[in-house]
Amino acid sequence: MNIINSKGLHVGVVTVSADRTLTEMQQLQAMAAKLLETARKLPAGPVCRDILKEIGKFRVRIAALKAKAK
């Protein structure tokens, strides 16, 4: 998942792989929650919408990996 700042600039990448431990997955979930909280503070518009979609995809991938680990 690409991380975009409030000005629409690329500032980082977060990757999710299948070999994560439960603690790492919990950390990823916490990170996704913080990203979502931050994204909700952005002004409405296409950049904000795209960021929210990316965060949603990230959260789905975390949930899938968590389910697969069980």
Protein backbone atom coordinates (compact mmCIF):
# COMPACT_ATOMS: atom_id res chain seq x y z
CA MET A 1 0.00 0.00 0.00
CA ASN A 2 1.35 3.41 -0.90
CA ILE A 3 1.28 6.10 1.78
CA ILE A 4 0.32 9.56 0.51
CA ASN A 5 0.56 12.71 2.61
CA SER A 6 -2.10 15.44 2.86
CA LYS A 7 -0.59 17.22 -0.16
CA GLY A 8 -0.96 14.13 -2.31
CA LEU A 9 2.74 13.29 -2.26
CA HIS A 10 3.98 9.71 -2.00
CA VAL A 11 5.75 9.30 1.36
CA GLY A 12 6.08 5.55 1.87
CA VAL A 13 4.98 1.99 1.19
CA VAL A 14 3.55 -0.65 3.52
CA THR A 15 3.68 -4.28 2.45
CA VAL A 16 1.81 -7.24 3.89
CA SER A 17 3.09 -10.79 3.50
CA ALA A 18 1.65 -14.15 4.52
CA ASP A 19 4.38 -14.91 7.07
CA ARG A 20 3.35 -12.32 9.66
CA THR A 21 2.99 -13.24 13.34
CA LEU A 22 -0.16 -12.41 15.27
CA THR A 23 1.61 -9.53 17.04
CA GLU A 24 2.78 -8.11 13.73
CA MET A 25 -0.76 -8.39 12.36
CA GLN A 26 -2.09 -6.52 15.39
CA GLN A 27 0.52 -3.83 14.75
CA LEU A 28 -0.59 -3.64 11.12
CA GLN A 29 -4.22 -3.30 12.23
CA ALA A 30 -3.24 -0.47 14.58
CA MET A 31 -1.31 1.20 11.76
CA ALA A 32 -4.33 0.90 9.45
CA ALA A 33 -6.53 2.48 12.14
CA LYS A 34 -4.10 5.41 12.50
CA LEU A 35 -3.94 5.83 8.73
CA LEU A 36 -7.73 5.87 8.56
CA GLU A 37 -7.95 8.41 11.38
CA THR A 38 -5.45 10.66 9.61
CA ALA A 39 -7.09 10.25 6.20
CA ARG A 40 -10.47 11.29 7.61
CA LYS A 41 -8.94 14.65 8.53
CA LEU A 42 -8.07 15.39 4.90
CA PRO A 43 -10.27 17.69 2.86
CA ALA A 44 -12.90 15.89 0.81
CA GLY A 45 -11.97 15.20 -2.77
CA PRO A 46 -10.47 12.65 -5.12
CA VAL A 47 -7.13 12.39 -3.29
CA CYS A 48 -8.84 11.68 0.03
CA ARG A 49 -11.17 9.18 -1.63
CA ASP A 50 -8.23 7.35 -3.24
CA ILE A 51 -6.37 7.21 0.07
CA LEU A 52 -9.43 5.81 1.84
CA LYS A 53 -9.75 3.13 -0.87
CA GLU A 54 -6.09 2.14 -0.43
CA ILE A 55 -6.51 1.92 3.34
CA GLY A 56 -9.60 -0.22 2.81
CA LYS A 57 -7.63 -2.59 0.58
CA PHE A 58 -4.88 -2.74 3.20
CA ARG A 59 -7.39 -3.66 5.92
CA VAL A 60 -8.95 -6.37 3.74
CA ARG A 61 -5.51 -7.88 3.12
CA ILE A 62 -4.77 -7.86 6.86
CA ALA A 63 -8.09 -9.58 7.59
CA ALA A 64 -7.43 -12.21 4.93
CA LEU A 65 -3.97 -12.92 6.31
CA LYS A 66 -5.33 -13.09 9.85
CA ALA A 67 -8.01 -15.58 8.77
CA LYS A 68 -5.43 -17.62 6.88
CA ALA A 69 -3.20 -17.78 9.97
CA LYS A 70 -5.94 -19.35 12.11
